[in-house]
Amino acid sequence: MLRKNNPEEGSQYHTVSAFSHGLLRIMESVRAAADTPEAGNREFFRLYWEFASHFHHDGQYEFDPIAVLTTLGIDTAHGEAANDPAWDDEVATRMNAGLELVGNDVGTPIIAVDRSDGQQVGYFGPVITKIPTGDKATDLWDALMTMMEADGFFELKKTRQDMPDPGERPSPITAD
């Protein structure tokens, strides 16, 4: 969100955005080093999962990404990418691909899916305050996929009544 929103330097939002931008650089470095695109996406997701857990479950908006790489068994040399602007074009390309599907007036998360007609579509969200589990999680996902089949669908919204509760911190995703 650093490049998209261009927060004022010195602000708290800029500090968090700059840190998370470094994390995106690390994730792209790891993705690029993989043997196949599928393996790269899997490693990217493992990092995303663990980085997001630090933010949303631990309330840590700055932490040591090298420790996360170590925990996941990923080469810690990728940590150098956090300060390497050579990764910015790849980060921007992937962010722009998501924004092309949903428009520029959204934040994150953006989810992209292929509809039954083969068209790739995306949406911002879902933004939820409590993470559903089991059948309720499956029902929510199925409902979202059904909405994506409708041409012209773009928004559902209501005022937030509760603070987000991400639930218990998930375990790191292990390598296959």
N, C-alpha and C. Protein backbone atom coordinates (compact mmCIF):
# COMPACT_ATOMS: atom_id res chain seq x y z
N MET A 1 0.82 -1.20 0.00
CA MET A 1 0.00 0.00 0.00
C MET A 1 0.86 1.26 0.00
N LEU A 2 2.17 1.09 0.18
CA LEU A 2 3.07 2.23 0.19
C LEU A 2 2.99 2.99 -1.12
N ARG A 3 3.11 2.29 -2.23
CA ARG A 3 3.11 2.97 -3.53
C ARG A 3 1.73 3.43 -3.93
N LYS A 4 0.71 2.66 -3.60
CA LYS A 4 -0.65 3.02 -4.00
C LYS A 4 -1.16 4.24 -3.23
N ASN A 5 -0.98 4.24 -1.91
CA ASN A 5 -1.55 5.29 -1.08
C ASN A 5 -0.61 6.45 -0.79
N ASN A 6 0.69 6.23 -0.99
CA ASN A 6 1.68 7.28 -0.79
C ASN A 6 1.47 8.05 0.52
N PRO A 7 1.51 7.33 1.66
CA PRO A 7 1.28 8.01 2.94
C PRO A 7 2.39 9.02 3.26
N GLU A 8 2.04 10.01 4.03
CA GLU A 8 2.97 11.07 4.38
C GLU A 8 4.15 10.51 5.18
N GLU A 9 5.36 10.83 4.71
CA GLU A 9 6.55 10.37 5.43
C GLU A 9 6.53 10.89 6.85
N GLY A 10 6.97 10.02 7.77
CA GLY A 10 6.98 10.36 9.17
C GLY A 10 5.70 9.98 9.90
N SER A 11 4.63 9.68 9.14
CA SER A 11 3.38 9.27 9.78
C SER A 11 3.47 7.79 10.17
N GLN A 12 2.61 7.39 11.12
CA GLN A 12 2.59 5.99 11.55
C GLN A 12 2.21 5.09 10.38
N TYR A 13 1.28 5.54 9.54
CA TYR A 13 0.85 4.74 8.40
C TYR A 13 2.01 4.55 7.41
N HIS A 14 2.83 5.57 7.25
CA HIS A 14 3.99 5.43 6.35
C HIS A 14 4.96 4.40 6.90
N THR A 15 5.21 4.44 8.19
CA THR A 15 6.15 3.49 8.80
C THR A 15 5.69 2.06 8.59
N VAL A 16 4.41 1.78 8.88
CA VAL A 16 3.87 0.43 8.71
C VAL A 16 3.84 0.05 7.23
N SER A 17 3.46 0.98 6.37
CA SER A 17 3.41 0.70 4.93
C SER A 17 4.80 0.41 4.36
N ALA A 18 5.79 1.17 4.79
CA ALA A 18 7.16 0.95 4.31
C ALA A 18 7.67 -0.41 4.79
N PHE A 19 7.38 -0.76 6.03
CA PHE A 19 7.80 -2.07 6.54
C PHE A 19 7.12 -3.19 5.76
N SER A 20 5.81 -3.09 5.55
CA SER A 20 5.10 -4.15 4.83
C SER A 20 5.53 -4.20 3.36
N HIS A 21 5.93 -3.07 2.80
CA HIS A 21 6.46 -3.07 1.43
C HIS A 21 7.75 -3.91 1.37
N GLY A 22 8.58 -3.77 2.40
CA GLY A 22 9.78 -4.60 2.47
C GLY A 22 9.44 -6.08 2.54
N LEU A 23 8.36 -6.41 3.25
CA LEU A 23 7.93 -7.81 3.32
C LEU A 23 7.48 -8.30 1.94
N LEU A 24 6.80 -7.45 1.18
CA LEU A 24 6.41 -7.84 -0.18
C LEU A 24 7.64 -8.11 -1.05
N ARG A 25 8.66 -7.30 -0.89
CA ARG A 25 9.90 -7.53 -1.63
C ARG A 25 10.49 -8.89 -1.28
N ILE A 26 10.50 -9.23 0.00
CA ILE A 26 11.02 -10.53 0.44
C ILE A 26 10.19 -11.65 -0.18
N MET A 27 8.88 -11.52 -0.14
CA MET A 27 8.02 -12.58 -0.69
C MET A 27 8.26 -12.76 -2.18
N GLU A 28 8.46 -11.66 -2.91
CA GLU A 28 8.72 -11.78 -4.34
C GLU A 28 10.10 -12.40 -4.60
N SER A 29 11.06 -12.10 -3.76
CA SER A 29 12.38 -12.73 -3.87
C SER A 29 12.26 -14.24 -3.70
N VAL A 30 11.50 -14.66 -2.70
CA VAL A 30 11.31 -16.09 -2.45
C VAL A 30 10.55 -16.73 -3.60
N ARG A 31 9.50 -16.06 -4.10
CA ARG A 31 8.72 -16.61 -5.21
C ARG A 31 9.62 -16.81 -6.44
N ALA A 32 10.45 -15.82 -6.72
CA ALA A 32 11.30 -15.87 -7.92
C ALA A 32 12.36 -16.96 -7.83
N ALA A 33 12.77 -17.32 -6.64
CA ALA A 33 13.84 -18.32 -6.47
C ALA A 33 13.33 -19.75 -6.58
N ALA A 34 12.04 -19.95 -6.59
CA ALA A 34 11.48 -21.30 -6.62
C ALA A 34 11.69 -21.96 -7.98
N ASP A 35 11.66 -23.29 -7.97
CA ASP A 35 11.87 -24.07 -9.19
C ASP A 35 10.72 -23.94 -10.18
N THR A 36 9.51 -23.77 -9.68
CA THR A 36 8.33 -23.67 -10.55
C THR A 36 7.44 -22.53 -10.05
N PRO A 37 6.57 -22.01 -10.91
CA PRO A 37 5.64 -20.98 -10.45
C PRO A 37 4.75 -21.48 -9.30
N GLU A 38 4.33 -22.73 -9.36
CA GLU A 38 3.48 -23.28 -8.31
C GLU A 38 4.23 -23.30 -6.98
N ALA A 39 5.48 -23.74 -7.01
CA ALA A 39 6.29 -23.77 -5.78
C ALA A 39 6.53 -22.35 -5.27
N GLY A 40 6.75 -21.41 -6.18
CA GLY A 40 6.94 -20.02 -5.78
C GLY A 40 5.70 -19.45 -5.12
N ASN A 41 4.53 -19.75 -5.69
CA ASN A 41 3.29 -19.27 -5.09
C ASN A 41 3.07 -19.89 -3.71
N ARG A 42 3.43 -21.15 -3.57
CA ARG A 42 3.27 -21.84 -2.28
C ARG A 42 4.17 -21.18 -1.22
N GLU A 43 5.42 -20.91 -1.56
CA GLU A 43 6.33 -20.26 -0.61
C GLU A 43 5.88 -18.84 -0.29
N PHE A 44 5.40 -18.14 -1.32
CA PHE A 44 4.86 -16.80 -1.12
C PHE A 44 3.72 -16.86 -0.10
N PHE A 45 2.81 -17.82 -0.28
CA PHE A 45 1.67 -17.95 0.62
C PHE A 45 2.13 -18.29 2.04
N ARG A 46 3.10 -19.15 2.19
CA ARG A 46 3.61 -19.49 3.53
C ARG A 46 4.12 -18.23 4.24
N LEU A 47 4.86 -17.41 3.51
CA LEU A 47 5.36 -16.17 4.09
C LEU A 47 4.23 -15.20 4.41
N TYR A 48 3.31 -15.06 3.46
CA TYR A 48 2.16 -14.16 3.67
C TYR A 48 1.41 -14.57 4.93
N TRP A 49 1.17 -15.86 5.08
CA TRP A 49 0.44 -16.40 6.24
C TRP A 49 1.14 -16.03 7.54
N GLU A 50 2.45 -16.23 7.57
CA GLU A 50 3.19 -15.97 8.81
C GLU A 50 3.35 -14.47 9.05
N PHE A 51 3.65 -13.71 8.01
CA PHE A 51 3.75 -12.26 8.19
C PHE A 51 2.40 -11.70 8.68
N ALA A 52 1.31 -12.13 8.06
CA ALA A 52 -0.02 -11.65 8.45
C ALA A 52 -0.35 -12.04 9.88
N SER A 53 0.11 -13.20 10.31
CA SER A 53 -0.13 -13.63 11.69
C SER A 53 0.55 -12.68 12.67
N HIS A 54 1.74 -12.20 12.33
CA HIS A 54 2.42 -11.22 13.18
C HIS A 54 1.59 -9.94 13.29
N PHE A 55 1.04 -9.48 12.17
CA PHE A 55 0.23 -8.26 12.18
C PHE A 55 -1.08 -8.48 12.92
N HIS A 56 -1.86 -9.45 12.46
CA HIS A 56 -3.25 -9.56 12.90
C HIS A 56 -3.45 -10.35 14.19
N HIS A 57 -2.58 -11.29 14.48
CA HIS A 57 -2.75 -12.08 15.70
C HIS A 57 -1.86 -11.59 16.83
N ASP A 58 -0.66 -11.17 16.49
CA ASP A 58 0.30 -10.76 17.51
C ASP A 58 0.31 -9.25 17.75
N GLY A 59 -0.31 -8.47 16.84
CA GLY A 59 -0.30 -7.03 16.97
C GLY A 59 1.08 -6.42 16.76
N GLN A 60 1.95 -7.15 16.07
CA GLN A 60 3.31 -6.67 15.80
C GLN A 60 3.35 -6.06 14.40
N TYR A 61 3.54 -4.77 14.33
CA TYR A 61 3.59 -4.08 13.05
C TYR A 61 5.01 -3.88 12.56
N GLU A 62 5.96 -4.27 13.39
CA GLU A 62 7.37 -4.37 12.99
C GLU A 62 7.93 -5.57 13.73
N PHE A 63 8.61 -6.41 13.01
CA PHE A 63 9.20 -7.63 13.58
C PHE A 63 10.37 -8.02 12.70
N ASP A 64 11.11 -9.02 13.10
CA ASP A 64 12.29 -9.45 12.37
C ASP A 64 11.92 -10.45 11.29
N PRO A 65 11.90 -10.05 10.01
CA PRO A 65 11.53 -10.99 8.96
C PRO A 65 12.54 -12.13 8.82
N ILE A 66 13.77 -11.92 9.24
CA ILE A 66 14.76 -13.00 9.18
C ILE A 66 14.34 -14.14 10.11
N ALA A 67 13.80 -13.79 11.27
CA ALA A 67 13.31 -14.82 12.19
C ALA A 67 12.17 -15.62 11.56
N VAL A 68 11.32 -14.95 10.80
CA VAL A 68 10.22 -15.66 10.12
C VAL A 68 10.78 -16.59 9.06
N LEU A 69 11.73 -16.10 8.27
CA LEU A 69 12.35 -16.96 7.26
C LEU A 69 12.98 -18.19 7.92
N THR A 70 13.64 -17.97 9.04
CA THR A 70 14.27 -19.07 9.77
C THR A 70 13.22 -20.07 10.25
N THR A 71 12.14 -19.56 10.85
CA THR A 71 11.06 -20.42 11.34
C THR A 71 10.50 -21.30 10.23
N LEU A 72 10.39 -20.74 9.04
CA LEU A 72 9.81 -21.47 7.91
C LEU A 72 10.83 -22.30 7.15
N GLY A 73 12.10 -22.20 7.51
CA GLY A 73 13.13 -22.96 6.82
C GLY A 73 13.44 -22.43 5.43
N ILE A 74 13.26 -21.13 5.25
CA ILE A 74 13.53 -20.48 3.97
C ILE A 74 14.85 -19.73 4.09
N ASP A 75 15.65 -19.77 3.04
CA ASP A 75 16.96 -19.13 3.03
C ASP A 75 16.86 -17.68 3.52
N THR A 76 17.58 -17.37 4.58
CA THR A 76 17.51 -16.04 5.17
C THR A 76 18.12 -14.95 4.30
N ALA A 77 18.86 -15.34 3.27
CA ALA A 77 19.42 -14.34 2.34
C ALA A 77 18.31 -13.54 1.66
N HIS A 78 17.11 -14.12 1.59
CA HIS A 78 15.99 -13.38 0.99
C HIS A 78 15.64 -12.14 1.80
N GLY A 79 16.03 -12.10 3.06
CA GLY A 79 15.76 -10.93 3.89
C GLY A 79 16.38 -9.67 3.34
N GLU A 80 17.47 -9.82 2.57
CA GLU A 80 18.13 -8.65 1.97
C GLU A 80 17.22 -7.93 0.99
N ALA A 81 16.23 -8.64 0.43
CA ALA A 81 15.32 -8.03 -0.54
C ALA A 81 14.47 -6.92 0.09
N ALA A 82 14.29 -6.94 1.40
CA ALA A 82 13.46 -5.93 2.07
C ALA A 82 13.91 -4.51 1.74
N ASN A 83 15.20 -4.32 1.56
CA ASN A 83 15.74 -2.99 1.28
C ASN A 83 16.22 -2.82 -0.15
N ASP A 84 15.81 -3.74 -1.03
CA ASP A 84 16.28 -3.73 -2.41
C ASP A 84 15.17 -3.27 -3.35
N PRO A 85 15.25 -2.03 -3.86
CA PRO A 85 14.20 -1.52 -4.75
C PRO A 85 14.11 -2.26 -6.09
N ALA A 86 15.06 -3.15 -6.38
CA ALA A 86 14.99 -3.93 -7.61
C ALA A 86 13.72 -4.78 -7.65
N TRP A 87 13.12 -5.07 -6.50
CA TRP A 87 11.89 -5.88 -6.44
C TRP A 87 10.63 -5.05 -6.62
N ASP A 88 10.74 -3.74 -6.64
CA ASP A 88 9.55 -2.88 -6.69
C ASP A 88 8.74 -3.04 -7.97
N ASP A 89 9.39 -3.27 -9.10
CA ASP A 89 8.62 -3.45 -10.34
C ASP A 89 7.74 -4.69 -10.26
N GLU A 90 8.28 -5.77 -9.71
CA GLU A 90 7.48 -7.00 -9.59
C GLU A 90 6.33 -6.81 -8.61
N VAL A 91 6.60 -6.14 -7.49
CA VAL A 91 5.54 -5.85 -6.52
C VAL A 91 4.45 -5.01 -7.19
N ALA A 92 4.86 -3.97 -7.93
CA ALA A 92 3.89 -3.08 -8.60
C ALA A 92 3.11 -3.82 -9.67
N THR A 93 3.78 -4.67 -10.44
CA THR A 93 3.10 -5.44 -11.50
C THR A 93 2.00 -6.31 -10.91
N ARG A 94 2.32 -7.00 -9.83
CA ARG A 94 1.33 -7.90 -9.22
C ARG A 94 0.21 -7.11 -8.54
N MET A 95 0.53 -5.99 -7.91
CA MET A 95 -0.51 -5.16 -7.30
C MET A 95 -1.41 -4.59 -8.38
N ASN A 96 -0.83 -4.12 -9.47
CA ASN A 96 -1.62 -3.55 -10.55
C ASN A 96 -2.54 -4.59 -11.19
N ALA A 97 -2.08 -5.84 -11.27
CA ALA A 97 -2.94 -6.90 -11.82
C ALA A 97 -4.18 -7.08 -10.96
N GLY A 98 -4.03 -7.03 -9.65
CA GLY A 98 -5.18 -7.12 -8.76
C GLY A 98 -6.09 -5.92 -8.89
N LEU A 99 -5.50 -4.73 -8.94
CA LEU A 99 -6.29 -3.51 -9.03
C LEU A 99 -7.03 -3.42 -10.36
N GLU A 100 -6.47 -3.99 -11.43
CA GLU A 100 -7.17 -4.01 -12.71
C GLU A 100 -8.49 -4.76 -12.62
N LEU A 101 -8.55 -5.74 -11.73
CA LEU A 101 -9.77 -6.53 -11.57
C LEU A 101 -10.82 -5.83 -10.72
N VAL A 102 -10.39 -4.97 -9.80
CA VAL A 102 -11.34 -4.41 -8.83
C VAL A 102 -11.44 -2.89 -8.85
N GLY A 103 -10.50 -2.21 -9.47
CA GLY A 103 -10.49 -0.76 -9.45
C GLY A 103 -9.52 -0.24 -8.40
N ASN A 104 -9.25 1.04 -8.47
CA ASN A 104 -8.21 1.63 -7.62
C ASN A 104 -8.75 2.18 -6.30
N ASP A 105 -10.05 2.15 -6.09
CA ASP A 105 -10.62 2.76 -4.89
C ASP A 105 -10.87 1.74 -3.78
N VAL A 106 -10.02 0.71 -3.71
CA VAL A 106 -10.15 -0.32 -2.68
C VAL A 106 -8.82 -0.49 -1.97
N GLY A 107 -8.86 -1.24 -0.89
CA GLY A 107 -7.64 -1.59 -0.17
C GLY A 107 -7.37 -3.07 -0.35
N THR A 108 -7.02 -3.71 0.74
CA THR A 108 -6.77 -5.14 0.70
C THR A 108 -7.65 -5.80 1.76
N PRO A 109 -8.02 -7.03 1.60
CA PRO A 109 -7.52 -8.00 0.64
C PRO A 109 -8.23 -7.90 -0.71
N ILE A 110 -7.54 -8.34 -1.74
CA ILE A 110 -8.13 -8.51 -3.06
C ILE A 110 -8.01 -10.00 -3.37
N ILE A 111 -9.12 -10.59 -3.76
CA ILE A 111 -9.13 -12.00 -4.13
C ILE A 111 -9.54 -12.10 -5.59
N ALA A 112 -8.77 -12.85 -6.38
CA ALA A 112 -9.07 -13.08 -7.79
C ALA A 112 -9.46 -14.54 -7.98
N VAL A 113 -10.48 -14.75 -8.79
CA VAL A 113 -10.95 -16.11 -9.08
C VAL A 113 -11.30 -16.21 -10.56
N ASP A 114 -11.31 -17.42 -11.06
CA ASP A 114 -11.79 -17.69 -12.41
C ASP A 114 -13.23 -18.15 -12.32
N ARG A 115 -14.11 -17.43 -13.01
CA ARG A 115 -15.52 -17.80 -13.02
C ARG A 115 -15.72 -19.04 -13.88
N SER A 116 -16.94 -19.57 -13.84
CA SER A 116 -17.25 -20.77 -14.61
C SER A 116 -17.13 -20.53 -16.11
N ASP A 117 -17.24 -19.26 -16.56
CA ASP A 117 -17.08 -18.95 -17.99
C ASP A 117 -15.62 -18.71 -18.36
N GLY A 118 -14.70 -18.88 -17.39
CA GLY A 118 -13.28 -18.70 -17.65
C GLY A 118 -12.77 -17.30 -17.43
N GLN A 119 -13.67 -16.33 -17.22
CA GLN A 119 -13.25 -14.95 -17.00
C GLN A 119 -12.68 -14.80 -15.59
N GLN A 120 -11.53 -14.13 -15.49
CA GLN A 120 -10.98 -13.85 -14.18
C GLN A 120 -11.62 -12.57 -13.66
N VAL A 121 -12.11 -12.65 -12.42
CA VAL A 121 -12.73 -11.51 -11.77
C VAL A 121 -12.14 -11.38 -10.37
N GLY A 122 -12.32 -10.24 -9.77
CA GLY A 122 -11.78 -10.05 -8.44
C GLY A 122 -12.71 -9.23 -7.60
N TYR A 123 -12.45 -9.25 -6.32
CA TYR A 123 -13.19 -8.41 -5.40
C TYR A 123 -12.31 -8.03 -4.24
N PHE A 124 -12.68 -6.93 -3.62
CA PHE A 124 -12.06 -6.48 -2.39
C PHE A 124 -12.82 -7.15 -1.26
N GLY A 125 -12.11 -7.85 -0.40
CA GLY A 125 -12.76 -8.48 0.73
C GLY A 125 -12.59 -9.98 0.69
N PRO A 126 -13.30 -10.68 1.48
CA PRO A 126 -14.27 -10.16 2.43
C PRO A 126 -13.59 -9.56 3.66
N VAL A 127 -14.21 -8.56 4.20
CA VAL A 127 -13.76 -7.98 5.45
C VAL A 127 -14.74 -8.46 6.51
N ILE A 128 -14.24 -9.24 7.44
CA ILE A 128 -15.11 -9.85 8.45
C ILE A 128 -14.47 -9.65 9.83
N THR A 129 -15.31 -9.56 10.86
CA THR A 129 -14.77 -9.34 12.20
C THR A 129 -14.49 -10.63 12.94
N LYS A 130 -15.15 -11.72 12.58
CA LYS A 130 -14.88 -13.01 13.19
C LYS A 130 -14.67 -14.05 12.10
N ILE A 131 -13.61 -14.80 12.21
CA ILE A 131 -13.27 -15.81 11.22
C ILE A 131 -14.18 -17.02 11.41
N PRO A 132 -14.99 -17.36 10.40
CA PRO A 132 -15.81 -18.55 10.55
C PRO A 132 -14.97 -19.81 10.40
N THR A 133 -15.47 -20.90 10.93
CA THR A 133 -14.78 -22.18 10.81
C THR A 133 -15.74 -23.22 10.27
N GLY A 134 -15.17 -24.35 9.84
CA GLY A 134 -15.97 -25.50 9.42
C GLY A 134 -16.95 -25.16 8.30
N ASP A 135 -18.17 -25.66 8.46
CA ASP A 135 -19.20 -25.47 7.44
C ASP A 135 -19.53 -24.00 7.22
N LYS A 136 -19.45 -23.19 8.26
CA LYS A 136 -19.75 -21.76 8.10
C LYS A 136 -18.71 -21.08 7.21
N ALA A 137 -17.45 -21.49 7.32
CA ALA A 137 -16.41 -20.94 6.44
C ALA A 137 -16.66 -21.37 5.00
N THR A 138 -17.00 -22.63 4.82
CA THR A 138 -17.29 -23.14 3.47
C THR A 138 -18.50 -22.43 2.88
N ASP A 139 -19.54 -22.23 3.68
CA ASP A 139 -20.75 -21.54 3.21
C ASP A 139 -20.43 -20.12 2.78
N LEU A 140 -19.60 -19.41 3.56
CA LEU A 140 -19.22 -18.04 3.21
C LEU A 140 -18.48 -18.04 1.87
N TRP A 141 -17.50 -18.93 1.73
CA TRP A 141 -16.73 -18.99 0.49
C TRP A 141 -17.64 -19.31 -0.70
N ASP A 142 -18.53 -20.28 -0.54
CA ASP A 142 -19.44 -20.64 -1.63
C ASP A 142 -20.33 -19.47 -2.01
N ALA A 143 -20.80 -18.72 -1.02
CA ALA A 143 -21.64 -17.55 -1.30
C ALA A 143 -20.86 -16.49 -2.07
N LEU A 144 -19.61 -16.27 -1.68
CA LEU A 144 -18.78 -15.29 -2.39
C LEU A 144 -18.55 -15.72 -3.84
N MET A 145 -18.30 -17.02 -4.03
CA MET A 145 -18.09 -17.51 -5.40
C MET A 145 -19.36 -17.37 -6.23
N THR A 146 -20.51 -17.59 -5.62
CA THR A 146 -21.78 -17.42 -6.33
C THR A 146 -21.96 -15.97 -6.76
N MET A 147 -21.64 -15.02 -5.87
CA MET A 147 -21.76 -13.61 -6.21
C MET A 147 -20.83 -13.23 -7.36
N MET A 148 -19.66 -13.85 -7.41
CA MET A 148 -18.71 -13.51 -8.46
C MET A 148 -19.20 -13.95 -9.83
N GLU A 149 -20.15 -14.88 -9.88
CA GLU A 149 -20.72 -15.33 -11.15
C GLU A 149 -21.67 -14.29 -11.75
N ALA A 150 -22.12 -13.34 -10.93
CA ALA A 150 -23.08 -12.33 -11.39
C ALA A 150 -22.34 -11.17 -12.05
N ASP A 151 -22.64 -10.93 -13.33
CA ASP A 151 -22.07 -9.76 -14.01
C ASP A 151 -22.54 -8.50 -13.29
N GLY A 152 -21.63 -7.60 -13.07
CA GLY A 152 -21.98 -6.33 -12.46
C GLY A 152 -21.95 -6.30 -10.95
N PHE A 153 -21.77 -7.45 -10.30
CA PHE A 153 -21.69 -7.45 -8.84
C PHE A 153 -20.46 -6.65 -8.41
N PHE A 154 -20.64 -5.74 -7.44
CA PHE A 154 -19.46 -5.00 -7.00
C PHE A 154 -19.40 -4.72 -5.51
N GLU A 155 -20.50 -4.79 -4.74
CA GLU A 155 -20.34 -4.41 -3.34
C GLU A 155 -21.49 -4.90 -2.47
N LEU A 156 -21.11 -5.31 -1.28
CA LEU A 156 -22.02 -5.51 -0.15
C LEU A 156 -21.35 -4.79 1.01
N LYS A 157 -22.10 -4.09 1.83
CA LYS A 157 -21.44 -3.38 2.91
C LYS A 157 -22.43 -3.09 4.03
N LYS A 158 -21.92 -3.12 5.25
CA LYS A 158 -22.68 -2.64 6.40
C LYS A 158 -21.68 -2.04 7.38
N THR A 159 -22.15 -1.24 8.29
CA THR A 159 -21.29 -0.61 9.28
C THR A 159 -20.72 -1.66 10.21
N ARG A 160 -19.43 -1.56 10.47
CA ARG A 160 -18.78 -2.48 11.40
C ARG A 160 -19.33 -2.25 12.80
N GLN A 161 -19.75 -3.34 13.43
CA GLN A 161 -20.29 -3.24 14.78
C GLN A 161 -19.36 -3.80 15.83
N ASP A 162 -18.41 -4.62 15.43
CA ASP A 162 -17.46 -5.23 16.36
C ASP A 162 -16.05 -5.00 15.84
N MET A 163 -15.11 -4.99 16.76
CA MET A 163 -13.70 -4.92 16.37
C MET A 163 -13.29 -6.27 15.80
N PRO A 164 -12.34 -6.27 14.86
CA PRO A 164 -11.89 -7.55 14.30
C PRO A 164 -11.34 -8.48 15.38
N ASP A 165 -11.69 -9.74 15.26
CA ASP A 165 -11.20 -10.79 16.14
C ASP A 165 -10.67 -11.90 15.25
N PRO A 166 -9.37 -11.93 15.01
CA PRO A 166 -8.84 -12.93 14.07
C PRO A 166 -8.82 -14.35 14.64
N GLY A 167 -9.21 -14.53 15.88
CA GLY A 167 -9.21 -15.87 16.46
C GLY A 167 -7.82 -16.27 16.92
N GLU A 168 -7.66 -17.56 17.16
CA GLU A 168 -6.36 -18.06 17.61
C GLU A 168 -5.33 -17.93 16.51
N ARG A 169 -4.08 -17.72 16.94
CA ARG A 169 -2.99 -17.59 15.97
C ARG A 169 -2.78 -18.95 15.29
N PRO A 170 -2.80 -18.95 13.96
CA PRO A 170 -2.58 -20.20 13.25
C PRO A 170 -1.11 -20.64 13.31
N SER A 171 -0.88 -21.90 13.17
CA SER A 171 0.48 -22.42 13.10
C SER A 171 1.08 -22.06 11.75
N PRO A 172 2.41 -21.92 11.69
CA PRO A 172 3.05 -21.71 10.39
C PRO A 172 2.72 -22.88 9.45
N ILE A 173 2.67 -22.59 8.18
CA ILE A 173 2.42 -23.62 7.17
C ILE A 173 3.75 -24.28 6.85
N THR A 174 3.80 -25.58 6.94
CA THR A 174 5.04 -26.30 6.70
C THR A 174 5.27 -26.49 5.20
N ALA A 175 6.53 -26.65 4.86
CA ALA A 175 6.88 -26.93 3.47
C ALA A 175 6.47 -28.35 3.13
N ASP A 176 6.14 -28.58 1.88
CA ASP A 176 5.77 -29.94 1.45
C ASP A 176 6.99 -30.82 1.31
